[in-house]
Amino acid sequence: MRLAIKEARKNLKTLNGGPFGACIIRNNLVLAVAHNTVLEEDATCHAEINAIRIASRKVRHFDLSGCVIYSTTEPCPMCFSAIHWARLDAVIYGTNIADVKKLGFCELSISAKNLKTKGKSSVKIFAHFDRVECMKLLYDWEKVEGRRVY
């Protein structure tokens, strides 16, 4: 999670997207670290999607079985779906969708747990990991002049 938080902090300076970061690990090896680049690229460039793209290129396959993704915030429905389709074993996140929705981000109020249940996904979910540090990231982002929500 520390790598995901560090990566997310880059957007506090560049403002290329929100304060979101992700890191994919397999067998204690870091495959990918990414941050949100929505404002620089397109609406699909959430940290989790960017990390999945990097990891898939690295292993030269879409199947990321055996991997775990750390995300500073609970994956949105798009990101959770990508995590499921990439066959990651687990997602570990810090803050909730509700936390970032309070900041004005256009989030769908559908939790990862709800998506897992309704979609019968095998992805394990671990919430509130390093929550204090992930919340600090959101508080720090709130203080950034010129920040944009989307």
N, C-alpha and C. Protein backbone atom coordinates (compact mmCIF):
# COMPACT_ATOMS: atom_id res chain seq x y z
N MET A 1 0.84 -1.20 0.00
CA MET A 1 0.00 0.00 0.00
C MET A 1 0.87 1.25 0.00
N ARG A 2 2.01 1.17 0.64
CA ARG A 2 2.89 2.34 0.70
C ARG A 2 3.28 2.81 -0.71
N LEU A 3 3.52 1.87 -1.61
CA LEU A 3 3.87 2.24 -2.99
C LEU A 3 2.68 2.89 -3.69
N ALA A 4 1.48 2.39 -3.45
CA ALA A 4 0.28 2.97 -4.07
C ALA A 4 0.06 4.39 -3.55
N ILE A 5 0.25 4.59 -2.26
CA ILE A 5 0.08 5.93 -1.68
C ILE A 5 1.13 6.89 -2.24
N LYS A 6 2.35 6.44 -2.29
CA LYS A 6 3.43 7.27 -2.83
C LYS A 6 3.15 7.66 -4.28
N GLU A 7 2.65 6.72 -5.04
CA GLU A 7 2.33 6.98 -6.45
C GLU A 7 1.16 7.96 -6.56
N ALA A 8 0.15 7.79 -5.72
CA ALA A 8 -1.01 8.69 -5.74
C ALA A 8 -0.61 10.12 -5.41
N ARG A 9 0.36 10.28 -4.54
CA ARG A 9 0.83 11.61 -4.15
C ARG A 9 1.39 12.41 -5.33
N LYS A 10 1.79 11.73 -6.39
CA LYS A 10 2.29 12.42 -7.58
C LYS A 10 1.23 13.35 -8.15
N ASN A 11 -0.04 12.94 -8.05
CA ASN A 11 -1.12 13.77 -8.60
C ASN A 11 -1.42 14.99 -7.73
N LEU A 12 -0.87 15.05 -6.54
CA LEU A 12 -1.03 16.26 -5.72
C LEU A 12 -0.22 17.40 -6.34
N LYS A 13 0.77 17.04 -7.16
CA LYS A 13 1.62 18.04 -7.82
C LYS A 13 1.24 18.22 -9.28
N THR A 14 0.97 17.13 -9.98
CA THR A 14 0.72 17.21 -11.42
C THR A 14 -0.73 17.51 -11.77
N LEU A 15 -1.65 17.13 -10.89
CA LEU A 15 -3.09 17.31 -11.11
C LEU A 15 -3.59 16.61 -12.38
N ASN A 16 -2.97 15.48 -12.74
CA ASN A 16 -3.38 14.72 -13.92
C ASN A 16 -4.58 13.82 -13.65
N GLY A 17 -5.00 13.79 -12.42
CA GLY A 17 -6.14 12.97 -12.01
C GLY A 17 -6.30 13.10 -10.51
N GLY A 18 -7.19 12.34 -9.95
CA GLY A 18 -7.43 12.41 -8.52
C GLY A 18 -6.35 11.74 -7.70
N PRO A 19 -6.52 11.76 -6.38
CA PRO A 19 -5.51 11.24 -5.46
C PRO A 19 -5.60 9.72 -5.29
N PHE A 20 -5.43 9.01 -6.38
CA PHE A 20 -5.61 7.57 -6.36
C PHE A 20 -4.38 6.84 -6.89
N GLY A 21 -4.01 5.77 -6.20
CA GLY A 21 -2.86 4.98 -6.62
C GLY A 21 -3.15 3.50 -6.47
N ALA A 22 -2.40 2.68 -7.20
CA ALA A 22 -2.56 1.22 -7.13
C ALA A 22 -1.22 0.54 -7.36
N CYS A 23 -1.09 -0.65 -6.79
CA CYS A 23 0.13 -1.43 -6.92
C CYS A 23 -0.26 -2.90 -7.03
N ILE A 24 0.32 -3.62 -8.00
CA ILE A 24 0.04 -5.04 -8.18
C ILE A 24 1.28 -5.84 -7.81
N ILE A 25 1.06 -6.85 -6.96
CA ILE A 25 2.13 -7.70 -6.44
C ILE A 25 1.85 -9.16 -6.80
N ARG A 26 2.91 -9.87 -7.15
CA ARG A 26 2.81 -11.34 -7.33
C ARG A 26 4.05 -11.96 -6.69
N ASN A 27 3.83 -12.88 -5.76
CA ASN A 27 4.94 -13.54 -5.07
C ASN A 27 5.95 -12.55 -4.50
N ASN A 28 5.46 -11.53 -3.84
CA ASN A 28 6.29 -10.48 -3.22
C ASN A 28 7.10 -9.66 -4.23
N LEU A 29 6.76 -9.76 -5.50
CA LEU A 29 7.42 -9.00 -6.55
C LEU A 29 6.44 -7.94 -7.07
N VAL A 30 6.89 -6.70 -7.15
CA VAL A 30 6.06 -5.62 -7.66
C VAL A 30 6.01 -5.71 -9.18
N LEU A 31 4.80 -5.91 -9.72
CA LEU A 31 4.62 -5.95 -11.17
C LEU A 31 4.25 -4.59 -11.74
N ALA A 32 3.53 -3.79 -10.95
CA ALA A 32 3.06 -2.50 -11.47
C ALA A 32 2.73 -1.55 -10.34
N VAL A 33 3.01 -0.29 -10.58
CA VAL A 33 2.61 0.79 -9.69
C VAL A 33 2.08 1.89 -10.61
N ALA A 34 0.89 2.41 -10.31
CA ALA A 34 0.29 3.40 -11.20
C ALA A 34 -0.58 4.37 -10.41
N HIS A 35 -0.82 5.51 -11.03
CA HIS A 35 -1.74 6.49 -10.45
C HIS A 35 -2.80 6.85 -11.49
N ASN A 36 -3.78 7.58 -11.05
CA ASN A 36 -4.88 8.01 -11.90
C ASN A 36 -4.38 9.04 -12.92
N THR A 37 -4.73 8.85 -14.19
CA THR A 37 -4.34 9.80 -15.25
C THR A 37 -5.55 10.22 -16.09
N VAL A 38 -6.72 10.21 -15.50
CA VAL A 38 -7.96 10.53 -16.20
C VAL A 38 -7.89 11.89 -16.89
N LEU A 39 -7.41 12.90 -16.20
CA LEU A 39 -7.40 14.25 -16.78
C LEU A 39 -6.32 14.43 -17.84
N GLU A 40 -5.39 13.52 -17.88
CA GLU A 40 -4.31 13.57 -18.87
C GLU A 40 -4.63 12.70 -20.09
N GLU A 41 -5.37 11.60 -19.87
CA GLU A 41 -5.63 10.65 -20.95
C GLU A 41 -7.12 10.51 -21.24
N ASP A 42 -7.79 9.59 -20.55
CA ASP A 42 -9.23 9.41 -20.77
C ASP A 42 -9.90 8.85 -19.53
N ALA A 43 -11.21 8.74 -19.56
CA ALA A 43 -12.01 8.37 -18.40
C ALA A 43 -11.72 6.98 -17.85
N THR A 44 -11.10 6.12 -18.64
CA THR A 44 -10.80 4.76 -18.15
C THR A 44 -9.48 4.68 -17.40
N CYS A 45 -8.73 5.73 -17.35
CA CYS A 45 -7.37 5.68 -16.80
C CYS A 45 -7.32 5.85 -15.29
N HIS A 46 -8.12 5.05 -14.60
CA HIS A 46 -8.05 4.99 -13.15
C HIS A 46 -6.77 4.25 -12.76
N ALA A 47 -6.32 4.45 -11.54
CA ALA A 47 -5.06 3.84 -11.09
C ALA A 47 -5.07 2.32 -11.25
N GLU A 48 -6.19 1.68 -10.91
CA GLU A 48 -6.26 0.22 -11.00
C GLU A 48 -6.15 -0.25 -12.45
N ILE A 49 -6.84 0.43 -13.35
CA ILE A 49 -6.80 0.06 -14.77
C ILE A 49 -5.38 0.25 -15.31
N ASN A 50 -4.77 1.39 -14.97
CA ASN A 50 -3.39 1.64 -15.42
C ASN A 50 -2.44 0.57 -14.89
N ALA A 51 -2.62 0.17 -13.62
CA ALA A 51 -1.75 -0.87 -13.04
C ALA A 51 -1.98 -2.22 -13.73
N ILE A 52 -3.22 -2.55 -14.02
CA ILE A 52 -3.52 -3.81 -14.72
C ILE A 52 -2.87 -3.81 -16.10
N ARG A 53 -2.95 -2.69 -16.80
CA ARG A 53 -2.32 -2.61 -18.13
C ARG A 53 -0.81 -2.82 -18.04
N ILE A 54 -0.17 -2.19 -17.08
CA ILE A 54 1.29 -2.32 -16.92
C ILE A 54 1.65 -3.76 -16.56
N ALA A 55 0.95 -4.34 -15.60
CA ALA A 55 1.24 -5.72 -15.17
C ALA A 55 1.01 -6.71 -16.30
N SER A 56 -0.07 -6.54 -17.05
CA SER A 56 -0.38 -7.45 -18.16
C SER A 56 0.71 -7.40 -19.23
N ARG A 57 1.18 -6.18 -19.52
CA ARG A 57 2.28 -6.05 -20.49
C ARG A 57 3.54 -6.74 -19.96
N LYS A 58 3.78 -6.60 -18.68
CA LYS A 58 4.99 -7.18 -18.08
C LYS A 58 4.98 -8.70 -18.15
N VAL A 59 3.82 -9.31 -17.86
CA VAL A 59 3.74 -10.78 -17.90
C VAL A 59 3.28 -11.30 -19.26
N ARG A 60 2.96 -10.38 -20.17
CA ARG A 60 2.54 -10.70 -21.53
C ARG A 60 1.29 -11.59 -21.58
N HIS A 61 0.35 -11.26 -20.67
CA HIS A 61 -0.90 -12.02 -20.63
C HIS A 61 -1.93 -11.23 -19.84
N PHE A 62 -3.20 -11.40 -20.19
CA PHE A 62 -4.27 -10.72 -19.45
C PHE A 62 -4.51 -11.35 -18.09
N ASP A 63 -4.17 -12.62 -17.94
CA ASP A 63 -4.46 -13.38 -16.73
C ASP A 63 -3.44 -13.05 -15.64
N LEU A 64 -3.92 -12.37 -14.62
CA LEU A 64 -3.05 -11.97 -13.50
C LEU A 64 -3.35 -12.81 -12.25
N SER A 65 -3.70 -14.07 -12.46
CA SER A 65 -3.91 -14.98 -11.34
C SER A 65 -2.67 -15.00 -10.48
N GLY A 66 -2.87 -15.12 -9.18
CA GLY A 66 -1.74 -15.13 -8.25
C GLY A 66 -1.32 -13.74 -7.82
N CYS A 67 -1.98 -12.72 -8.37
CA CYS A 67 -1.64 -11.33 -8.04
C CYS A 67 -2.63 -10.73 -7.06
N VAL A 68 -2.15 -9.74 -6.34
CA VAL A 68 -2.97 -8.94 -5.43
C VAL A 68 -2.80 -7.49 -5.84
N ILE A 69 -3.89 -6.73 -5.81
CA ILE A 69 -3.81 -5.31 -6.11
C ILE A 69 -4.12 -4.52 -4.85
N TYR A 70 -3.26 -3.57 -4.55
CA TYR A 70 -3.47 -2.62 -3.46
C TYR A 70 -3.96 -1.33 -4.10
N SER A 71 -5.04 -0.78 -3.56
CA SER A 71 -5.60 0.44 -4.10
C SER A 71 -5.88 1.40 -2.95
N THR A 72 -5.53 2.65 -3.13
CA THR A 72 -5.73 3.62 -2.06
C THR A 72 -7.21 3.82 -1.75
N THR A 73 -8.07 3.62 -2.73
CA THR A 73 -9.51 3.75 -2.54
C THR A 73 -10.21 2.53 -3.13
N GLU A 74 -11.34 2.18 -2.57
CA GLU A 74 -12.15 1.07 -3.05
C GLU A 74 -12.37 1.20 -4.56
N PRO A 75 -12.13 0.12 -5.29
CA PRO A 75 -12.32 0.18 -6.74
C PRO A 75 -13.77 0.49 -7.12
N CYS A 76 -13.92 1.36 -8.11
CA CYS A 76 -15.24 1.67 -8.65
C CYS A 76 -15.73 0.44 -9.42
N PRO A 77 -16.98 0.42 -9.87
CA PRO A 77 -17.48 -0.73 -10.62
C PRO A 77 -16.64 -1.08 -11.86
N MET A 78 -16.15 -0.07 -12.58
CA MET A 78 -15.32 -0.34 -13.75
C MET A 78 -14.03 -1.05 -13.33
N CYS A 79 -13.40 -0.54 -12.30
CA CYS A 79 -12.12 -1.10 -11.85
C CYS A 79 -12.30 -2.49 -11.24
N PHE A 80 -13.37 -2.66 -10.45
CA PHE A 80 -13.60 -3.99 -9.87
C PHE A 80 -13.85 -5.01 -10.98
N SER A 81 -14.60 -4.61 -11.99
CA SER A 81 -14.84 -5.52 -13.13
C SER A 81 -13.53 -5.90 -13.80
N ALA A 82 -12.66 -4.93 -14.01
CA ALA A 82 -11.36 -5.21 -14.63
C ALA A 82 -10.52 -6.13 -13.74
N ILE A 83 -10.57 -5.91 -12.44
CA ILE A 83 -9.85 -6.78 -11.49
C ILE A 83 -10.38 -8.20 -11.60
N HIS A 84 -11.68 -8.34 -11.66
CA HIS A 84 -12.31 -9.65 -11.82
C HIS A 84 -11.88 -10.30 -13.14
N TRP A 85 -12.00 -9.56 -14.23
CA TRP A 85 -11.68 -10.13 -15.55
C TRP A 85 -10.19 -10.43 -15.71
N ALA A 86 -9.35 -9.69 -15.00
CA ALA A 86 -7.91 -9.97 -15.06
C ALA A 86 -7.53 -11.13 -14.13
N ARG A 87 -8.52 -11.60 -13.38
CA ARG A 87 -8.36 -12.77 -12.50
C ARG A 87 -7.40 -12.55 -11.35
N LEU A 88 -7.33 -11.31 -10.87
CA LEU A 88 -6.51 -11.06 -9.69
C LEU A 88 -7.12 -11.82 -8.51
N ASP A 89 -6.28 -12.28 -7.60
CA ASP A 89 -6.76 -13.04 -6.46
C ASP A 89 -7.49 -12.18 -5.44
N ALA A 90 -6.97 -10.96 -5.22
CA ALA A 90 -7.54 -10.13 -4.16
C ALA A 90 -7.32 -8.66 -4.44
N VAL A 91 -8.18 -7.84 -3.82
CA VAL A 91 -8.02 -6.40 -3.82
C VAL A 91 -7.98 -5.97 -2.36
N ILE A 92 -7.01 -5.12 -2.05
CA ILE A 92 -6.84 -4.58 -0.71
C ILE A 92 -6.90 -3.07 -0.85
N TYR A 93 -7.86 -2.43 -0.15
CA TYR A 93 -8.00 -0.99 -0.32
C TYR A 93 -8.11 -0.26 1.01
N GLY A 94 -7.85 1.07 0.94
CA GLY A 94 -7.84 1.90 2.13
C GLY A 94 -9.14 2.62 2.40
N THR A 95 -9.50 3.59 1.56
CA THR A 95 -10.72 4.38 1.77
C THR A 95 -11.87 3.81 0.96
N ASN A 96 -13.08 4.22 1.28
CA ASN A 96 -14.29 3.73 0.60
C ASN A 96 -14.71 4.66 -0.53
N ILE A 97 -15.56 4.14 -1.39
CA ILE A 97 -16.18 4.95 -2.44
C ILE A 97 -16.89 6.15 -1.81
N ALA A 98 -17.56 5.93 -0.69
CA ALA A 98 -18.29 7.02 -0.01
C ALA A 98 -17.35 8.15 0.41
N ASP A 99 -16.12 7.81 0.80
CA ASP A 99 -15.15 8.83 1.22
C ASP A 99 -14.82 9.79 0.08
N VAL A 100 -14.62 9.26 -1.12
CA VAL A 100 -14.27 10.12 -2.26
C VAL A 100 -15.50 10.78 -2.87
N LYS A 101 -16.63 10.15 -2.71
CA LYS A 101 -17.87 10.76 -3.19
C LYS A 101 -18.14 12.06 -2.42
N LYS A 102 -17.80 12.07 -1.12
CA LYS A 102 -17.95 13.27 -0.29
C LYS A 102 -17.08 14.42 -0.80
N LEU A 103 -16.01 14.08 -1.50
CA LEU A 103 -15.11 15.10 -2.05
C LEU A 103 -15.60 15.64 -3.39
N GLY A 104 -16.70 15.08 -3.90
CA GLY A 104 -17.27 15.57 -5.15
C GLY A 104 -17.00 14.71 -6.37
N PHE A 105 -16.28 13.60 -6.21
CA PHE A 105 -16.03 12.73 -7.35
C PHE A 105 -17.34 12.05 -7.77
N CYS A 106 -17.49 11.87 -9.07
CA CYS A 106 -18.71 11.29 -9.66
C CYS A 106 -18.66 9.77 -9.55
N GLU A 107 -18.91 9.28 -8.36
CA GLU A 107 -18.81 7.85 -8.09
C GLU A 107 -20.18 7.19 -8.11
N LEU A 108 -20.23 5.98 -8.59
CA LEU A 108 -21.44 5.17 -8.48
C LEU A 108 -21.40 4.51 -7.10
N SER A 109 -22.49 4.57 -6.39
CA SER A 109 -22.54 4.03 -5.03
C SER A 109 -22.80 2.52 -5.04
N ILE A 110 -21.92 1.81 -5.70
CA ILE A 110 -22.02 0.35 -5.75
C ILE A 110 -20.69 -0.19 -5.21
N SER A 111 -20.74 -0.82 -4.06
CA SER A 111 -19.51 -1.27 -3.41
C SER A 111 -18.89 -2.47 -4.12
N ALA A 112 -17.60 -2.64 -3.89
CA ALA A 112 -16.90 -3.81 -4.43
C ALA A 112 -17.52 -5.09 -3.86
N LYS A 113 -17.88 -5.05 -2.59
CA LYS A 113 -18.50 -6.22 -1.95
C LYS A 113 -19.81 -6.58 -2.64
N ASN A 114 -20.61 -5.57 -2.98
CA ASN A 114 -21.88 -5.80 -3.68
C ASN A 114 -21.63 -6.39 -5.06
N LEU A 115 -20.65 -5.84 -5.79
CA LEU A 115 -20.32 -6.37 -7.12
C LEU A 115 -19.84 -7.81 -7.03
N LYS A 116 -19.00 -8.09 -6.03
CA LYS A 116 -18.48 -9.45 -5.83
C LYS A 116 -19.64 -10.43 -5.62
N THR A 117 -20.56 -10.04 -4.74
CA THR A 117 -21.70 -10.90 -4.41
C THR A 117 -22.61 -11.11 -5.62
N LYS A 118 -23.03 -10.02 -6.24
CA LYS A 118 -23.96 -10.12 -7.37
C LYS A 118 -23.33 -10.82 -8.58
N GLY A 119 -22.03 -10.60 -8.78
CA GLY A 119 -21.35 -11.21 -9.92
C GLY A 119 -20.73 -12.56 -9.63
N LYS A 120 -20.85 -13.00 -8.38
CA LYS A 120 -20.26 -14.29 -7.96
C LYS A 120 -18.77 -14.35 -8.29
N SER A 121 -18.08 -13.26 -8.00
CA SER A 121 -16.65 -13.16 -8.27
C SER A 121 -15.85 -13.87 -7.18
N SER A 122 -14.74 -14.42 -7.56
CA SER A 122 -13.86 -15.09 -6.58
C SER A 122 -12.81 -14.14 -5.99
N VAL A 123 -12.80 -12.89 -6.42
CA VAL A 123 -11.82 -11.92 -5.92
C VAL A 123 -12.07 -11.70 -4.42
N LYS A 124 -11.03 -11.86 -3.62
CA LYS A 124 -11.12 -11.59 -2.19
C LYS A 124 -10.99 -10.08 -1.98
N ILE A 125 -11.73 -9.57 -1.01
CA ILE A 125 -11.73 -8.13 -0.73
C ILE A 125 -11.32 -7.88 0.71
N PHE A 126 -10.33 -7.00 0.87
CA PHE A 126 -9.86 -6.60 2.20
C PHE A 126 -9.95 -5.08 2.28
N ALA A 127 -10.87 -4.60 3.11
CA ALA A 127 -11.14 -3.17 3.20
C ALA A 127 -10.39 -2.52 4.36
N HIS A 128 -10.24 -1.20 4.23
CA HIS A 128 -9.70 -0.34 5.28
C HIS A 128 -8.25 -0.63 5.65
N PHE A 129 -7.49 -1.19 4.73
CA PHE A 129 -6.07 -1.45 4.97
C PHE A 129 -5.32 -0.12 4.90
N ASP A 130 -4.59 0.21 5.93
CA ASP A 130 -3.84 1.47 6.00
C ASP A 130 -4.77 2.67 5.77
N ARG A 131 -5.97 2.56 6.30
CA ARG A 131 -7.01 3.57 6.09
C ARG A 131 -6.57 4.96 6.53
N VAL A 132 -5.89 5.06 7.66
CA VAL A 132 -5.47 6.37 8.17
C VAL A 132 -4.59 7.09 7.15
N GLU A 133 -3.62 6.39 6.59
CA GLU A 133 -2.72 7.00 5.59
C GLU A 133 -3.46 7.33 4.30
N CYS A 134 -4.40 6.47 3.92
CA CYS A 134 -5.17 6.74 2.70
C CYS A 134 -6.11 7.93 2.89
N MET A 135 -6.66 8.07 4.08
CA MET A 135 -7.50 9.25 4.38
C MET A 135 -6.65 10.50 4.39
N LYS A 136 -5.43 10.42 4.91
CA LYS A 136 -4.52 11.56 4.91
C LYS A 136 -4.26 12.03 3.48
N LEU A 137 -4.11 11.08 2.57
CA LEU A 137 -3.93 11.40 1.17
C LEU A 137 -5.11 12.22 0.65
N LEU A 138 -6.33 11.83 1.00
CA LEU A 138 -7.52 12.57 0.58
C LEU A 138 -7.55 13.96 1.21
N TYR A 139 -7.22 14.05 2.49
CA TYR A 139 -7.19 15.36 3.16
C TYR A 139 -6.16 16.28 2.52
N ASP A 140 -4.99 15.72 2.20
CA ASP A 140 -3.94 16.52 1.55
C ASP A 140 -4.39 16.99 0.17
N TRP A 141 -5.10 16.13 -0.54
CA TRP A 141 -5.60 16.50 -1.87
C TRP A 141 -6.60 17.64 -1.78
N GLU A 142 -7.44 17.61 -0.74
CA GLU A 142 -8.44 18.67 -0.56
C GLU A 142 -7.79 20.06 -0.44
N LYS A 143 -6.56 20.09 0.03
CA LYS A 143 -5.85 21.37 0.24
C LYS A 143 -5.14 21.87 -1.01
N VAL A 144 -5.07 21.05 -2.04
CA VAL A 144 -4.34 21.40 -3.27
C VAL A 144 -5.11 22.45 -4.06
N GLU A 145 -4.45 23.53 -4.36
CA GLU A 145 -5.05 24.58 -5.17
C GLU A 145 -5.13 24.13 -6.63
N GLY A 146 -6.26 24.36 -7.26
CA GLY A 146 -6.42 24.01 -8.68
C GLY A 146 -6.86 22.59 -8.92
N ARG A 147 -7.14 21.83 -7.88
CA ARG A 147 -7.57 20.43 -8.06
C ARG A 147 -8.93 20.40 -8.74
N ARG A 148 -9.18 19.33 -9.46
CA ARG A 148 -10.48 19.17 -10.14
C ARG A 148 -11.07 17.81 -9.80
N VAL A 149 -12.37 17.78 -9.64
CA VAL A 149 -13.07 16.51 -9.48
C VAL A 149 -13.76 16.21 -10.80
N TYR A 150 -14.04 14.98 -11.04
CA TYR A 150 -14.63 14.55 -12.30
C TYR A 150 -15.56 13.40 -12.07
